[in-house]
Amino acid sequence: LNRKERLTGMAEAERLRAQLEGCEELQEKMKAVNKICRRNCTDEEQVDAIVAECGIKEEQAKELVYPDPDRGRYSKGFASYCLSSNLAKIKDLKAKIARHEAMVEKENKVLEFEGYDVEMDYQEERLRIRHHEKPDAQTIQDLKGNGFRWSPKNKAWQRQMTSNAVYAARRVLK
């Protein structure tokens, strides 16, 4: 009941772009704070500079400038792992956006075999297997065991389109 609608294609790329924009802004803000913390001035001046230049609240600026060993903070500013982690997230988001845009440009395929059809729906990012007749219990067990789920809406066994999905379909359908 509480499921979110899964976005695909350009809608998902737009959602990821908004998330990417937020991460890039955060990265720039963290770099600016660390640059201010390296300045040769008093702690109060650093707090004032962080509030004025970065738009960070005074309480948060004080936490960044005054190290607190009890809370695991031993140096001023953001830790290097925070910057590294956020940069890795930015790179990951860029790769996801590129993958979604490439999927939208591909044309759907339907491969027909004896007894079943395999549909590669790139717009919805789904690999579907439609049997002409109900498959035997072993085939159903193999499909379930390889990540395929029955979709009453599409009347097919389906799975998210990945290279592993293609491999699993080949393995199940022999």
C-alpha atoms as a PDB file:
ATOM      1  CA  LEU A   1       0.000   0.000   0.000  1.00  0.00           C
ATOM      2  CA  ASN A   2       2.839   2.381   0.737  1.00  0.00           C
ATOM      3  CA  ARG A   3       4.907   1.612  -2.351  1.00  0.00           C
ATOM      4  CA  LYS A   4       6.239   4.487  -4.388  1.00  0.00           C
ATOM      5  CA  GLU A   5       5.671   4.362  -8.098  1.00  0.00           C
ATOM      6  CA  ARG A   6       8.884   3.211  -9.738  1.00  0.00           C
ATOM      7  CA  LEU A   7      10.169   5.738 -12.234  1.00  0.00           C
ATOM      8  CA  THR A   8      11.878   4.650 -15.436  1.00  0.00           C
ATOM      9  CA  GLY A   9      13.543   6.256 -18.409  1.00  0.00           C
ATOM     10  CA  MET A  10      13.685  10.034 -18.576  1.00  0.00           C
ATOM     11  CA  ALA A  11      11.550  10.516 -15.450  1.00  0.00           C
ATOM     12  CA  GLU A  12      14.114   8.590 -13.407  1.00  0.00           C
ATOM     13  CA  ALA A  13      16.959  10.476 -15.114  1.00  0.00           C
ATOM     14  CA  GLU A  14      15.347  13.791 -14.123  1.00  0.00           C
ATOM     15  CA  ARG A  15      14.949  12.637 -10.513  1.00  0.00           C
ATOM     16  CA  LEU A  16      18.601  11.585 -10.465  1.00  0.00           C
ATOM     17  CA  ARG A  17      19.671  14.925 -11.989  1.00  0.00           C
ATOM     18  CA  ALA A  18      17.954  16.784  -9.136  1.00  0.00           C
ATOM     19  CA  GLN A  19      19.733  14.527  -6.635  1.00  0.00           C
ATOM     20  CA  LEU A  20      23.034  15.086  -8.473  1.00  0.00           C
ATOM     21  CA  GLU A  21      22.580  18.839  -8.307  1.00  0.00           C
ATOM     22  CA  GLY A  22      22.105  18.646  -4.525  1.00  0.00           C
ATOM     23  CA  CYS A  23      25.224  16.497  -4.115  1.00  0.00           C
ATOM     24  CA  GLU A  24      27.309  18.868  -6.239  1.00  0.00           C
ATOM     25  CA  GLU A  25      26.126  21.857  -4.184  1.00  0.00           C
ATOM     26  CA  LEU A  26      27.004  19.997  -0.993  1.00  0.00           C
ATOM     27  CA  GLN A  27      30.458  19.144  -2.360  1.00  0.00           C
ATOM     28  CA  GLU A  28      31.172  22.799  -3.146  1.00  0.00           C
ATOM     29  CA  LYS A  29      29.896  23.873   0.270  1.00  0.00           C
ATOM     30  CA  MET A  30      32.091  21.310   2.059  1.00  0.00           C
ATOM     31  CA  LYS A  31      35.152  22.423   0.075  1.00  0.00           C
ATOM     32  CA  ALA A  32      34.431  26.075   0.897  1.00  0.00           C
ATOM     33  CA  VAL A  33      34.064  25.289   4.619  1.00  0.00           C
ATOM     34  CA  ASN A  34      37.362  23.387   4.661  1.00  0.00           C
ATOM     35  CA  LYS A  35      39.058  26.256   2.828  1.00  0.00           C
ATOM     36  CA  ILE A  36      37.811  28.693   5.483  1.00  0.00           C
ATOM     37  CA  CYS A  37      38.971  26.360   8.275  1.00  0.00           C
ATOM     38  CA  ARG A  38      42.512  26.434   6.836  1.00  0.00           C
ATOM     39  CA  ARG A  39      42.660  30.238   7.030  1.00  0.00           C
ATOM     40  CA  ASN A  40      45.047  31.747   9.549  1.00  0.00           C
ATOM     41  CA  CYS A  41      42.472  33.536  11.729  1.00  0.00           C
ATOM     42  CA  THR A  42      40.650  33.037  15.010  1.00  0.00           C
ATOM     43  CA  ASP A  43      37.946  30.445  15.503  1.00  0.00           C
ATOM     44  CA  GLU A  44      35.282  33.150  15.888  1.00  0.00           C
ATOM     45  CA  GLU A  45      36.310  34.714  12.571  1.00  0.00           C
ATOM     46  CA  GLN A  46      36.124  31.281  10.926  1.00  0.00           C
ATOM     47  CA  VAL A  47      32.614  30.723  12.296  1.00  0.00           C
ATOM     48  CA  ASP A  48      31.506  34.141  11.033  1.00  0.00           C
ATOM     49  CA  ALA A  49      33.056  33.466   7.611  1.00  0.00           C
ATOM     50  CA  ILE A  50      31.349  30.072   7.314  1.00  0.00           C
ATOM     51  CA  VAL A  51      27.973  31.594   8.206  1.00  0.00           C
ATOM     52  CA  ALA A  52      28.439  34.508   5.784  1.00  0.00           C
ATOM     53  CA  GLU A  53      30.032  32.743   2.815  1.00  0.00           C
ATOM     54  CA  CYS A  54      28.490  29.280   2.946  1.00  0.00           C
ATOM     55  CA  GLY A  55      25.022  29.970   4.311  1.00  0.00           C
ATOM     56  CA  ILE A  56      25.406  27.485   7.158  1.00  0.00           C
ATOM     57  CA  LYS A  57      23.668  28.128  10.484  1.00  0.00           C
ATOM     58  CA  GLU A  58      25.846  29.392  13.322  1.00  0.00           C
ATOM     59  CA  GLU A  59      25.336  26.275  15.493  1.00  0.00           C
ATOM     60  CA  GLN A  60      26.487  24.003  12.670  1.00  0.00           C
ATOM     61  CA  ALA A  61      29.423  26.297  11.893  1.00  0.00           C
ATOM     62  CA  LYS A  62      30.553  26.118  15.517  1.00  0.00           C
ATOM     63  CA  GLU A  63      30.396  22.312  15.407  1.00  0.00           C
ATOM     64  CA  LEU A  64      32.621  22.369  12.308  1.00  0.00           C
ATOM     65  CA  VAL A  65      35.166  24.810  13.750  1.00  0.00           C
ATOM     66  CA  TYR A  66      35.425  23.567  17.344  1.00  0.00           C
ATOM     67  CA  PRO A  67      36.601  19.920  17.407  1.00  0.00           C
ATOM     68  CA  ASP A  68      34.879  17.675  19.972  1.00  0.00           C
ATOM     69  CA  PRO A  69      36.772  14.414  20.735  1.00  0.00           C
ATOM     70  CA  ASP A  70      33.744  13.123  22.666  1.00  0.00           C
ATOM     71  CA  ARG A  71      31.729  13.153  19.414  1.00  0.00           C
ATOM     72  CA  GLY A  72      34.555  11.779  17.273  1.00  0.00           C
ATOM     73  CA  ARG A  73      35.647  15.123  15.771  1.00  0.00           C
ATOM     74  CA  TYR A  74      39.378  15.723  16.059  1.00  0.00           C
ATOM     75  CA  SER A  75      39.913  18.355  13.346  1.00  0.00           C
ATOM     76  CA  LYS A  76      38.178  21.404  11.926  1.00  0.00           C
ATOM     77  CA  GLY A  77      35.886  21.299   8.937  1.00  0.00           C
ATOM     78  CA  PHE A  78      34.549  18.282   7.111  1.00  0.00           C
ATOM     79  CA  ALA A  79      36.523  15.049   7.286  1.00  0.00           C
ATOM     80  CA  SER A  80      38.181  13.912   4.073  1.00  0.00           C
ATOM     81  CA  TYR A  81      36.042  10.764   3.984  1.00  0.00           C
ATOM     82  CA  CYS A  82      32.908  12.956   3.777  1.00  0.00           C
ATOM     83  CA  LEU A  83      34.253  14.661   0.666  1.00  0.00           C
ATOM     84  CA  SER A  84      35.375  11.332  -0.843  1.00  0.00           C
ATOM     85  CA  SER A  85      32.058   9.660  -0.134  1.00  0.00           C
ATOM     86  CA  ASN A  86      30.061  12.510  -1.642  1.00  0.00           C
ATOM     87  CA  LEU A  87      32.306  12.577  -4.727  1.00  0.00           C
ATOM     88  CA  ALA A  88      31.792   8.832  -5.198  1.00  0.00           C
ATOM     89  CA  LYS A  89      28.035   9.396  -4.948  1.00  0.00           C
ATOM     90  CA  ILE A  90      28.271  12.116  -7.619  1.00  0.00           C
ATOM     91  CA  LYS A  91      30.148   9.784  -9.981  1.00  0.00           C
ATOM     92  CA  ASP A  92      27.616   7.006  -9.338  1.00  0.00           C
ATOM     93  CA  LEU A  93      24.683   9.331 -10.065  1.00  0.00           C
ATOM     94  CA  LYS A  94      26.287  10.469 -13.334  1.00  0.00           C
ATOM     95  CA  ALA A  95      26.709   6.837 -14.411  1.00  0.00           C
ATOM     96  CA  LYS A  96      23.078   6.040 -13.529  1.00  0.00           C
ATOM     97  CA  ILE A  97      21.833   9.042 -15.499  1.00  0.00           C
ATOM     98  CA  ALA A  98      23.851   7.949 -18.540  1.00  0.00           C
ATOM     99  CA  ARG A  99      22.468   4.392 -18.240  1.00  0.00           C
ATOM    100  CA  HIS A 100      18.854   5.587 -18.062  1.00  0.00           C
ATOM    101  CA  GLU A 101      19.290   7.925 -21.029  1.00  0.00           C
ATOM    102  CA  ALA A 102      20.866   5.115 -23.071  1.00  0.00           C
ATOM    103  CA  MET A 103      17.982   2.760 -22.204  1.00  0.00           C
ATOM    104  CA  VAL A 104      15.399   5.273 -23.431  1.00  0.00           C
ATOM    105  CA  GLU A 105      17.112   5.551 -26.812  1.00  0.00           C
ATOM    106  CA  LYS A 106      17.094   1.782 -27.408  1.00  0.00           C
ATOM    107  CA  GLU A 107      14.280   0.153 -29.313  1.00  0.00           C
ATOM    108  CA  ASN A 108      12.229  -2.625 -27.708  1.00  0.00           C
ATOM    109  CA  LYS A 109      12.821  -6.173 -28.979  1.00  0.00           C
ATOM    110  CA  VAL A 110      10.673  -9.285 -29.036  1.00  0.00           C
ATOM    111  CA  LEU A 111      12.458 -12.587 -29.639  1.00  0.00           C
ATOM    112  CA  GLU A 112      10.166 -15.461 -30.598  1.00  0.00           C
ATOM    113  CA  PHE A 113      11.008 -19.050 -29.710  1.00  0.00           C
ATOM    114  CA  GLU A 114       9.108 -22.311 -29.730  1.00  0.00           C
ATOM    115  CA  GLY A 115       6.702 -22.182 -26.795  1.00  0.00           C
ATOM    116  CA  TYR A 116       7.590 -18.712 -25.483  1.00  0.00           C
ATOM    117  CA  ASP A 117       8.536 -15.141 -26.405  1.00  0.00           C
ATOM    118  CA  VAL A 118      11.190 -12.995 -24.756  1.00  0.00           C
ATOM    119  CA  GLU A 119      10.460  -9.266 -24.696  1.00  0.00           C
ATOM    120  CA  MET A 120      13.162  -6.722 -23.921  1.00  0.00           C
ATOM    121  CA  ASP A 121      11.288  -3.553 -22.916  1.00  0.00           C
ATOM    122  CA  TYR A 122      13.928  -0.849 -22.594  1.00  0.00           C
ATOM    123  CA  GLN A 123      11.504   1.997 -21.786  1.00  0.00           C
ATOM    124  CA  GLU A 124      10.201   0.199 -18.678  1.00  0.00           C
ATOM    125  CA  GLU A 125      13.569  -1.513 -18.091  1.00  0.00           C
ATOM    126  CA  ARG A 126      12.041  -4.982 -17.981  1.00  0.00           C
ATOM    127  CA  LEU A 127      12.882  -8.380 -19.441  1.00  0.00           C
ATOM    128  CA  ARG A 128       9.674 -10.390 -19.884  1.00  0.00           C
ATOM    129  CA  ILE A 129       9.138 -14.033 -20.725  1.00  0.00           C
ATOM    130  CA  ARG A 130       5.690 -14.941 -22.087  1.00  0.00           C
ATOM    131  CA  HIS A 131       4.879 -18.637 -22.429  1.00  0.00           C
ATOM    132  CA  HIS A 132       2.251 -19.690 -24.956  1.00  0.00           C
ATOM    133  CA  GLU A 133       0.998 -22.290 -22.459  1.00  0.00           C
ATOM    134  CA  LYS A 134       1.456 -22.548 -18.708  1.00  0.00           C
ATOM    135  CA  PRO A 135       5.006 -23.818 -18.037  1.00  0.00           C
ATOM    136  CA  ASP A 136       5.644 -26.912 -15.938  1.00  0.00           C
ATOM    137  CA  ALA A 137       6.346 -26.659 -12.199  1.00  0.00           C
ATOM    138  CA  GLN A 138      10.130 -27.045 -12.630  1.00  0.00           C
ATOM    139  CA  THR A 139      10.300 -24.133 -15.099  1.00  0.00           C
ATOM    140  CA  ILE A 140       8.254 -21.954 -12.747  1.00  0.00           C
ATOM    141  CA  GLN A 141      10.579 -22.887  -9.884  1.00  0.00           C
ATOM    142  CA  ASP A 142      13.614 -22.042 -12.039  1.00  0.00           C
ATOM    143  CA  LEU A 143      12.113 -18.675 -13.015  1.00  0.00           C
ATOM    144  CA  LYS A 144      11.413 -17.794  -9.383  1.00  0.00           C
ATOM    145  CA  GLY A 145      14.869 -18.962  -8.340  1.00  0.00           C
ATOM    146  CA  ASN A 146      16.469 -16.664 -10.918  1.00  0.00           C
ATOM    147  CA  GLY A 147      14.669 -13.501  -9.848  1.00  0.00           C
ATOM    148  CA  PHE A 148      11.713 -13.522 -12.240  1.00  0.00           C
ATOM    149  CA  ARG A 149       8.309 -12.613 -10.814  1.00  0.00           C
ATOM    150  CA  TRP A 150       4.881 -13.182 -12.306  1.00  0.00           C
ATOM    151  CA  SER A 151       3.201  -9.974 -13.458  1.00  0.00           C
ATOM    152  CA  PRO A 152      -0.562 -10.369 -13.779  1.00  0.00           C
ATOM    153  CA  LYS A 153      -0.760  -6.956 -15.443  1.00  0.00           C
ATOM    154  CA  ASN A 154       1.639  -7.961 -18.244  1.00  0.00           C
ATOM    155  CA  LYS A 155       0.765 -11.682 -18.124  1.00  0.00           C
ATOM    156  CA  ALA A 156       4.458 -12.544 -18.164  1.00  0.00           C
ATOM    157  CA  TRP A 157       7.397 -13.487 -15.981  1.00  0.00           C
ATOM    158  CA  GLN A 158       9.503 -10.369 -15.659  1.00  0.00           C
ATOM    159  CA  ARG A 159      12.607  -8.969 -14.081  1.00  0.00           C
ATOM    160  CA  GLN A 160      14.463  -5.652 -14.171  1.00  0.00           C
ATOM    161  CA  MET A 161      16.588  -5.379 -17.308  1.00  0.00           C
ATOM    162  CA  THR A 162      20.238  -5.963 -16.405  1.00  0.00           C
ATOM    163  CA  SER A 163      23.010  -8.058 -17.868  1.00  0.00           C
ATOM    164  CA  ASN A 164      22.356 -10.580 -15.070  1.00  0.00           C
ATOM    165  CA  ALA A 165      18.692 -10.762 -16.133  1.00  0.00           C
ATOM    166  CA  VAL A 166      19.705 -11.679 -19.685  1.00  0.00           C
ATOM    167  CA  TYR A 167      22.112 -14.301 -18.348  1.00  0.00           C
ATOM    168  CA  ALA A 168      19.424 -15.729 -16.041  1.00  0.00           C
ATOM    169  CA  ALA A 169      16.898 -15.899 -18.882  1.00  0.00           C
ATOM    170  CA  ARG A 170      19.380 -17.822 -21.040  1.00  0.00           C
ATOM    171  CA  ARG A 171      20.094 -20.197 -18.178  1.00  0.00           C
ATOM    172  CA  VAL A 172      16.411 -20.818 -17.366  1.00  0.00           C
ATOM    173  CA  LEU A 173      15.269 -21.161 -20.973  1.00  0.00           C
ATOM    174  CA  LYS A 174      18.347 -23.129 -22.037  1.00  0.00           C
END
